[in-house]
C-alpha atoms as a PDB file:
ATOM      1  CA  MET A   1      77.472 116.974 109.408  1.00  0.00           C
ATOM      2  CA  ARG A   2      81.190 117.447 109.048  1.00  0.00           C
ATOM      3  CA  PHE A   3      82.782 120.188 111.117  1.00  0.00           C
ATOM      4  CA  PHE A   4      85.843 121.613 109.400  1.00  0.00           C
ATOM      5  CA  THR A   5      88.273 124.191 110.671  1.00  0.00           C
ATOM      6  CA  ILE A   6      88.853 126.674 107.860  1.00  0.00           C
ATOM      7  CA  ASP A   7      92.076 128.636 108.075  1.00  0.00           C
ATOM      8  CA  TYR A   8      90.967 131.800 106.294  1.00  0.00           C
ATOM      9  CA  SER A   9      94.139 133.634 107.282  1.00  0.00           C
ATOM     10  CA  SER A  10      96.122 131.471 104.919  1.00  0.00           C
ATOM     11  CA  PHE A  11      94.017 132.181 101.895  1.00  0.00           C
ATOM     12  CA  GLY A  12      96.035 135.307 101.243  1.00  0.00           C
ATOM     13  CA  LEU A  13      93.078 136.820  99.398  1.00  0.00           C
ATOM     14  CA  THR A  14      95.095 139.796  98.244  1.00  0.00           C
ATOM     15  CA  HIS A  15      94.088 141.078  94.845  1.00  0.00           C
ATOM     16  CA  SER A  16      97.709 141.126  93.665  1.00  0.00           C
ATOM     17  CA  GLY A  17      97.358 137.483  92.686  1.00  0.00           C
ATOM     18  CA  ARG A  18     100.026 136.270  95.105  1.00  0.00           C
ATOM     19  CA  LEU A  19      98.038 133.739  97.086  1.00  0.00           C
ATOM     20  CA  VAL A  20      99.840 131.479  99.521  1.00  0.00           C
ATOM     21  CA  ILE A  21      97.545 129.202 101.446  1.00  0.00           C
ATOM     22  CA  GLN A  22      97.508 126.771 104.295  1.00  0.00           C
ATOM     23  CA  ALA A  23      95.616 123.587 103.785  1.00  0.00           C
ATOM     24  CA  VAL A  24      92.104 124.430 104.794  1.00  0.00           C
ATOM     25  CA  ILE A  25      90.283 121.333 105.672  1.00  0.00           C
ATOM     26  CA  ALA A  26      90.953 120.114 109.176  1.00  0.00           C
ATOM     27  CA  LEU A  27      89.256 116.966 110.326  1.00  0.00           C
ATOM     28  CA  CYS A  28      86.069 117.157 112.250  1.00  0.00           C
ATOM     29  CA  ILE A  29      86.029 117.374 116.024  1.00  0.00           C
ATOM     30  CA  ALA A  30      82.586 115.922 116.353  1.00  0.00           C
ATOM     31  CA  LEU A  31      81.250 114.009 113.392  1.00  0.00           C
ATOM     32  CA  SER A  32      77.515 113.533 113.333  1.00  0.00           C
ATOM     33  CA  ILE A  33      76.721 111.165 110.488  1.00  0.00           C
ATOM     34  CA  GLY A  34      73.256 109.802 109.750  1.00  0.00           C
ATOM     35  CA  SER A  35      72.692 106.184 108.801  1.00  0.00           C
ATOM     36  CA  GLN A  36      72.540 106.913 105.090  1.00  0.00           C
ATOM     37  CA  ALA A  37      75.730 108.981 105.225  1.00  0.00           C
ATOM     38  CA  GLN A  38      77.423 106.216 107.182  1.00  0.00           C
ATOM     39  CA  GLN A  39      76.817 103.828 104.313  1.00  0.00           C
ATOM     40  CA  GLN A  40      78.521 106.250 101.917  1.00  0.00           C
ATOM     41  CA  ALA A  41      81.324 107.637 104.098  1.00  0.00           C
ATOM     42  CA  PRO A  42      84.890 106.580 103.260  1.00  0.00           C
ATOM     43  CA  ASP A  43      86.828 104.378 105.647  1.00  0.00           C
ATOM     44  CA  TRP A  44      89.035 107.196 106.910  1.00  0.00           C
ATOM     45  CA  GLU A  45      86.012 109.061 108.269  1.00  0.00           C
ATOM     46  CA  PHE A  46      84.991 106.061 110.343  1.00  0.00           C
ATOM     47  CA  LYS A  47      88.537 105.780 111.677  1.00  0.00           C
ATOM     48  CA  VAL A  48      88.468 109.454 112.641  1.00  0.00           C
ATOM     49  CA  GLN A  49      85.083 109.060 114.308  1.00  0.00           C
ATOM     50  CA  ASN A  50      86.304 106.054 116.268  1.00  0.00           C
ATOM     51  CA  ARG A  51      89.400 107.949 117.381  1.00  0.00           C
ATOM     52  CA  VAL A  52      87.372 110.995 118.464  1.00  0.00           C
ATOM     53  CA  ASP A  53      84.926 108.769 120.344  1.00  0.00           C
ATOM     54  CA  ALA A  54      87.796 106.994 122.095  1.00  0.00           C
ATOM     55  CA  LEU A  55      89.412 110.274 123.175  1.00  0.00           C
ATOM     56  CA  ILE A  56      86.112 111.574 124.564  1.00  0.00           C
ATOM     57  CA  ALA A  57      85.460 108.298 126.386  1.00  0.00           C
ATOM     58  CA  LYS A  58      88.940 108.350 127.895  1.00  0.00           C
ATOM     59  CA  ASN A  59      89.084 112.040 128.858  1.00  0.00           C
ATOM     60  CA  GLY A  60      85.492 113.110 129.403  1.00  0.00           C
ATOM     61  CA  SER A  61      83.857 116.384 128.443  1.00  0.00           C
ATOM     62  CA  GLY A  62      85.987 118.768 130.523  1.00  0.00           C
ATOM     63  CA  THR A  63      86.209 119.828 134.145  1.00  0.00           C
ATOM     64  CA  ASP A  64      86.664 123.603 133.770  1.00  0.00           C
ATOM     65  CA  SER A  65      83.471 124.942 132.206  1.00  0.00           C
ATOM     66  CA  ASP A  66      84.545 128.602 132.457  1.00  0.00           C
ATOM     67  CA  LEU A  67      87.779 127.999 130.571  1.00  0.00           C
ATOM     68  CA  GLN A  68      85.942 125.811 128.083  1.00  0.00           C
ATOM     69  CA  GLU A  69      83.483 128.612 127.360  1.00  0.00           C
ATOM     70  CA  ARG A  70      86.218 131.207 126.979  1.00  0.00           C
ATOM     71  CA  LEU A  71      88.220 129.105 124.521  1.00  0.00           C
ATOM     72  CA  LEU A  72      85.137 128.521 122.405  1.00  0.00           C
ATOM     73  CA  GLN A  73      84.468 132.279 122.434  1.00  0.00           C
ATOM     74  CA  MET A  74      88.050 132.917 121.365  1.00  0.00           C
ATOM     75  CA  VAL A  75      87.813 130.623 118.371  1.00  0.00           C
ATOM     76  CA  GLU A  76      84.494 132.225 117.395  1.00  0.00           C
ATOM     77  CA  GLU A  77      86.257 135.601 117.350  1.00  0.00           C
ATOM     78  CA  ASP A  78      89.047 134.077 115.308  1.00  0.00           C
ATOM     79  CA  GLN A  79      86.740 132.606 112.674  1.00  0.00           C
ATOM     80  CA  ALA A  80      84.439 135.647 112.466  1.00  0.00           C
ATOM     81  CA  VAL A  81      87.257 137.959 111.352  1.00  0.00           C
ATOM     82  CA  ARG A  82      88.611 135.350 108.951  1.00  0.00           C
ATOM     83  CA  ASN A  83      85.162 135.046 107.412  1.00  0.00           C
ATOM     84  CA  LYS A  84      85.112 138.809 106.910  1.00  0.00           C
ATOM     85  CA  LEU A  85      88.500 138.678 105.212  1.00  0.00           C
ATOM     86  CA  PHE A  86      87.326 135.853 102.981  1.00  0.00           C
ATOM     87  CA  GLN A  87      84.437 138.026 101.799  1.00  0.00           C
ATOM     88  CA  ALA A  88      86.369 141.310 101.672  1.00  0.00           C
ATOM     89  CA  SER A  89      86.392 143.650  98.688  1.00  0.00           C
ATOM     90  CA  PRO A  90      89.582 145.404  97.570  1.00  0.00           C
ATOM     91  CA  ASP A  91      88.357 148.521  99.390  1.00  0.00           C
ATOM     92  CA  THR A  92      87.896 146.814 102.757  1.00  0.00           C
ATOM     93  CA  GLU A  93      90.582 144.148 102.634  1.00  0.00           C
ATOM     94  CA  LYS A  94      93.417 146.204 104.111  1.00  0.00           C
ATOM     95  CA  GLU A  95      91.347 147.325 107.096  1.00  0.00           C
ATOM     96  CA  ILE A  96      90.100 143.798 107.813  1.00  0.00           C
ATOM     97  CA  GLN A  97      93.596 142.378 107.436  1.00  0.00           C
ATOM     98  CA  GLN A  98      94.822 144.818 110.082  1.00  0.00           C
ATOM     99  CA  SER A  99      91.946 143.796 112.357  1.00  0.00           C
ATOM    100  CA  LEU A 100      92.922 140.165 111.833  1.00  0.00           C
ATOM    101  CA  GLU A 101      96.536 140.804 112.777  1.00  0.00           C
ATOM    102  CA  ASP A 102      95.489 142.746 115.875  1.00  0.00           C
ATOM    103  CA  MET A 103      93.117 139.967 116.896  1.00  0.00           C
ATOM    104  CA  ASP A 104      95.750 137.247 116.413  1.00  0.00           C
ATOM    105  CA  ARG A 105      98.136 139.131 118.706  1.00  0.00           C
ATOM    106  CA  LYS A 106      95.395 139.609 121.307  1.00  0.00           C
ATOM    107  CA  LEU A 107      94.310 135.968 121.253  1.00  0.00           C
ATOM    108  CA  THR A 108      97.934 134.810 121.392  1.00  0.00           C
ATOM    109  CA  ALA A 109      98.510 136.895 124.519  1.00  0.00           C
ATOM    110  CA  GLU A 110      95.361 135.464 126.081  1.00  0.00           C
ATOM    111  CA  LEU A 111      96.374 131.902 125.178  1.00  0.00           C
ATOM    112  CA  LYS A 112      99.789 132.466 126.767  1.00  0.00           C
ATOM    113  CA  GLY A 113      98.059 133.543 129.965  1.00  0.00           C
ATOM    114  CA  ILE A 114      95.865 130.441 129.888  1.00  0.00           C
ATOM    115  CA  VAL A 115      98.886 128.180 129.415  1.00  0.00           C
ATOM    116  CA  ARG A 116     100.735 129.879 132.281  1.00  0.00           C
ATOM    117  CA  GLU A 117      97.778 129.452 134.626  1.00  0.00           C
ATOM    118  CA  HIS A 118      96.357 126.093 133.571  1.00  0.00           C
ATOM    119  CA  GLY A 119      98.942 124.404 131.391  1.00  0.00           C
ATOM    120  CA  TRP A 120      97.902 123.424 127.863  1.00  0.00           C
ATOM    121  CA  PRO A 121      94.095 122.995 127.610  1.00  0.00           C
ATOM    122  CA  THR A 122      93.671 119.232 127.404  1.00  0.00           C
ATOM    123  CA  ILE A 123      90.535 117.331 126.489  1.00  0.00           C
ATOM    124  CA  ARG A 124      90.194 116.287 130.124  1.00  0.00           C
ATOM    125  CA  LEU A 125      90.322 119.931 131.244  1.00  0.00           C
ATOM    126  CA  VAL A 126      88.099 121.665 128.679  1.00  0.00           C
ATOM    127  CA  GLY A 127      86.587 119.026 126.401  1.00  0.00           C
ATOM    128  CA  ILE A 128      87.571 118.126 122.869  1.00  0.00           C
ATOM    129  CA  LYS A 129      86.110 121.149 121.025  1.00  0.00           C
ATOM    130  CA  ALA A 130      87.663 123.733 123.341  1.00  0.00           C
ATOM    131  CA  SER A 131      90.961 121.844 123.354  1.00  0.00           C
ATOM    132  CA  GLN A 132      91.049 122.005 119.577  1.00  0.00           C
ATOM    133  CA  ALA A 133      90.050 125.669 119.773  1.00  0.00           C
ATOM    134  CA  ALA A 134      93.303 126.297 121.671  1.00  0.00           C
ATOM    135  CA  GLU A 135      95.214 124.546 118.887  1.00  0.00           C
ATOM    136  CA  THR A 136      93.465 126.718 116.300  1.00  0.00           C
ATOM    137  CA  ILE A 137      94.472 129.902 118.135  1.00  0.00           C
ATOM    138  CA  LEU A 138      98.047 128.637 118.354  1.00  0.00           C
ATOM    139  CA  ASN A 139      97.956 127.745 114.676  1.00  0.00           C
ATOM    140  CA  HIS A 140      97.049 131.323 113.772  1.00  0.00           C
ATOM    141  CA  SER A 141      99.504 132.938 116.184  1.00  0.00           C
ATOM    142  CA  PRO A 142     102.124 135.276 114.712  1.00  0.00           C
ATOM    143  CA  ASP A 143     104.475 134.300 117.568  1.00  0.00           C
ATOM    144  CA  HIS A 144     106.499 131.520 115.962  1.00  0.00           C
ATOM    145  CA  ASP A 145     108.807 131.226 118.967  1.00  0.00           C
ATOM    146  CA  PHE A 146     105.756 130.452 121.113  1.00  0.00           C
ATOM    147  CA  GLN A 147     104.676 127.817 118.595  1.00  0.00           C
ATOM    148  CA  GLN A 148     108.114 126.211 118.407  1.00  0.00           C
ATOM    149  CA  GLU A 149     108.408 126.166 122.185  1.00  0.00           C
ATOM    150  CA  LEU A 150     105.139 124.246 122.533  1.00  0.00           C
ATOM    151  CA  ILE A 151     105.439 121.781 119.642  1.00  0.00           C
ATOM    152  CA  PRO A 152     107.524 119.073 121.417  1.00  0.00           C
ATOM    153  CA  LYS A 153     105.228 119.016 124.459  1.00  0.00           C
ATOM    154  CA  LEU A 154     102.086 119.003 122.356  1.00  0.00           C
ATOM    155  CA  ILE A 155     103.353 116.112 120.215  1.00  0.00           C
ATOM    156  CA  GLU A 156     103.990 114.209 123.434  1.00  0.00           C
ATOM    157  CA  MET A 157     100.444 114.988 124.563  1.00  0.00           C
ATOM    158  CA  VAL A 158      99.074 113.628 121.285  1.00  0.00           C
ATOM    159  CA  GLU A 159     100.930 110.378 121.909  1.00  0.00           C
ATOM    160  CA  GLN A 160      99.444 110.230 125.425  1.00  0.00           C
ATOM    161  CA  ASP A 161      95.880 110.798 124.131  1.00  0.00           C
ATOM    162  CA  GLU A 162      95.549 114.090 126.014  1.00  0.00           C
ATOM    163  CA  ILE A 163      94.779 116.265 122.971  1.00  0.00           C
ATOM    164  CA  LEU A 164      93.562 115.704 119.455  1.00  0.00           C
ATOM    165  CA  GLY A 165      96.745 117.101 117.923  1.00  0.00           C
ATOM    166  CA  HIS A 166      95.034 117.655 114.640  1.00  0.00           C
ATOM    167  CA  ASP A 167      95.887 121.347 114.199  1.00  0.00           C
ATOM    168  CA  LEU A 168      99.506 120.716 115.134  1.00  0.00           C
ATOM    169  CA  VAL A 169     100.182 119.549 111.605  1.00  0.00           C
ATOM    170  CA  HIS A 170      99.600 123.066 110.272  1.00  0.00           C
ATOM    171  CA  ILE A 171     101.889 124.601 112.879  1.00  0.00           C
ATOM    172  CA  ILE A 172     104.644 122.060 112.294  1.00  0.00           C
ATOM    173  CA  ASP A 173     104.503 122.482 108.518  1.00  0.00           C
ATOM    174  CA  LYS A 174     104.518 126.290 108.771  1.00  0.00           C
ATOM    175  CA  VAL A 175     107.512 126.273 111.119  1.00  0.00           C
ATOM    176  CA  LEU A 176     109.468 123.835 108.932  1.00  0.00           C
ATOM    177  CA  LEU A 177     108.839 125.881 105.792  1.00  0.00           C
ATOM    178  CA  SER A 178     109.820 129.084 107.591  1.00  0.00           C
ATOM    179  CA  GLU A 179     113.140 127.373 108.358  1.00  0.00           C
ATOM    180  CA  GLY A 180     113.619 126.448 104.692  1.00  0.00           C
ATOM    181  CA  LYS A 181     112.844 122.760 105.301  1.00  0.00           C
ATOM    182  CA  PRO A 182     110.255 120.527 103.573  1.00  0.00           C
ATOM    183  CA  GLN A 183     106.939 120.109 105.349  1.00  0.00           C
ATOM    184  CA  LEU A 184     105.879 116.830 106.974  1.00  0.00           C
ATOM    185  CA  PHE A 185     102.122 116.604 106.439  1.00  0.00           C
ATOM    186  CA  GLY A 186     101.445 118.283 103.090  1.00  0.00           C
ATOM    187  CA  THR A 187      99.193 120.996 104.504  1.00  0.00           C
ATOM    188  CA  VAL A 188     100.724 124.019 102.768  1.00  0.00           C
ATOM    189  CA  PHE A 189      99.944 124.863  99.163  1.00  0.00           C
ATOM    190  CA  ARG A 190     100.476 127.931  97.022  1.00  0.00           C
ATOM    191  CA  PHE A 191      98.443 129.297  94.115  1.00  0.00           C
ATOM    192  CA  GLU A 192      99.819 130.029  90.684  1.00  0.00           C
ATOM    193  CA  GLY A 193      97.096 131.214  88.337  1.00  0.00           C
ATOM    194  CA  GLU A 194      94.494 128.478  87.991  1.00  0.00           C
ATOM    195  CA  PHE A 195      96.719 125.926  89.676  1.00  0.00           C
ATOM    196  CA  MET A 196      97.545 124.994  93.265  1.00  0.00           C
ATOM    197  CA  ILE A 197     100.931 123.522  94.102  1.00  0.00           C
ATOM    198  CA  MET A 198     101.815 121.612  97.234  1.00  0.00           C
ATOM    199  CA  GLU A 199     105.023 122.741  98.888  1.00  0.00           C
ATOM    200  CA  PRO A 200     107.722 120.012  99.111  1.00  0.00           C
ATOM    201  CA  VAL A 201     107.283 117.257 101.707  1.00  0.00           C
ATOM    202  CA  GLN A 202     109.964 115.248 103.469  1.00  0.00           C
ATOM    203  CA  ASP A 203     108.655 111.745 102.816  1.00  0.00           C
ATOM    204  CA  PRO A 204     106.069 111.604 100.005  1.00  0.00           C
ATOM    205  CA  GLU A 205     106.110 107.800  99.933  1.00  0.00           C
ATOM    206  CA  HIS A 206     104.836 107.495 103.517  1.00  0.00           C
ATOM    207  CA  LEU A 207     102.815 110.712 103.619  1.00  0.00           C
ATOM    208  CA  ASP A 208      99.393 109.073 103.951  1.00  0.00           C
ATOM    209  CA  GLU A 209     100.629 106.838 106.756  1.00  0.00           C
ATOM    210  CA  LEU A 210     101.889 109.837 108.705  1.00  0.00           C
ATOM    211  CA  ARG A 211      98.724 111.842 108.034  1.00  0.00           C
ATOM    212  CA  ALA A 212      96.546 109.002 109.295  1.00  0.00           C
ATOM    213  CA  ARG A 213      98.291 109.070 112.665  1.00  0.00           C
ATOM    214  CA  TYR A 214      97.202 112.698 113.024  1.00  0.00           C
ATOM    215  CA  LEU A 215      93.620 112.050 111.854  1.00  0.00           C
ATOM    216  CA  LEU A 216      94.065 113.618 108.435  1.00  0.00           C
ATOM    217  CA  PRO A 217      92.420 112.237 105.296  1.00  0.00           C
ATOM    218  CA  PRO A 218      94.575 110.597 102.612  1.00  0.00           C
ATOM    219  CA  MET A 219      96.159 113.112 100.257  1.00  0.00           C
ATOM    220  CA  LYS A 220      93.931 111.977  97.385  1.00  0.00           C
ATOM    221  CA  GLU A 221      90.833 112.871  99.406  1.00  0.00           C
ATOM    222  CA  TYR A 222      92.409 116.027 100.782  1.00  0.00           C
ATOM    223  CA  ILE A 223      93.412 117.331  97.361  1.00  0.00           C
ATOM    224  CA  LYS A 224      89.903 116.686  96.054  1.00  0.00           C
ATOM    225  CA  MET A 225      88.489 118.747  98.938  1.00  0.00           C
ATOM    226  CA  MET A 226      90.964 121.520  98.154  1.00  0.00           C
ATOM    227  CA  GLN A 227      90.112 121.494  94.461  1.00  0.00           C
ATOM    228  CA  ASP A 228      86.373 121.558  95.147  1.00  0.00           C
ATOM    229  CA  PHE A 229      86.770 124.402  97.647  1.00  0.00           C
ATOM    230  CA  TYR A 230      89.117 126.637  95.612  1.00  0.00           C
ATOM    231  CA  HIS A 231      88.111 125.579  92.099  1.00  0.00           C
ATOM    232  CA  LYS A 232      91.782 125.137  91.298  1.00  0.00           C
ATOM    233  CA  LYS A 233      93.639 122.271  89.652  1.00  0.00           C
ATOM    234  CA  LEU A 234      96.613 120.541  91.229  1.00  0.00           C
ATOM    235  CA  LYS A 235      99.794 121.096  89.281  1.00  0.00           C
END
């Protein structure tokens, strides 16, 4: 089973046809692959699994069970509303979009309180799934100043094996594009008719190398996932 984080907020899903999306397929937190699947899985999945296993072995499963449970509840709230938006009709879309914006502000405020009280939720503190849940909430936050403030520290924590860092790529790319700069990881695409177009990246030649350091699949694999999910062609 592959566990993907789907960023439904970035689908746009307005019926005006102006769809700007975030890359949707985040790597799994806990891969559970049977023996037959293991024989067929690409090399990058094994590398991800090994990295996840190593982080769990080094950091454990979390020491604060209450905080772990709350973070997992928060990300369930996050995904439930995004699922509703994904399935919305033109009649209900506006109302659900407002609910999504309200929820993102609420969860951002709660995450800020958690960070003030506990520091950033590390794998050692809350376990790998809840730690990534915090990254997902940050990824969806409308408070870009909060995101920018945390990015340098979180990158440092990735390097020190304290967090997975996987969802940081979406935050970093969003912030860079908002500043009029090319993205680093190739996570942001836009839709034009039947096509999807990747926003400019800073270093296309070494993109896969950079993505691998943050546990992302090679762009060839990633684009195939995107095309299968959206039924769009890459332009």
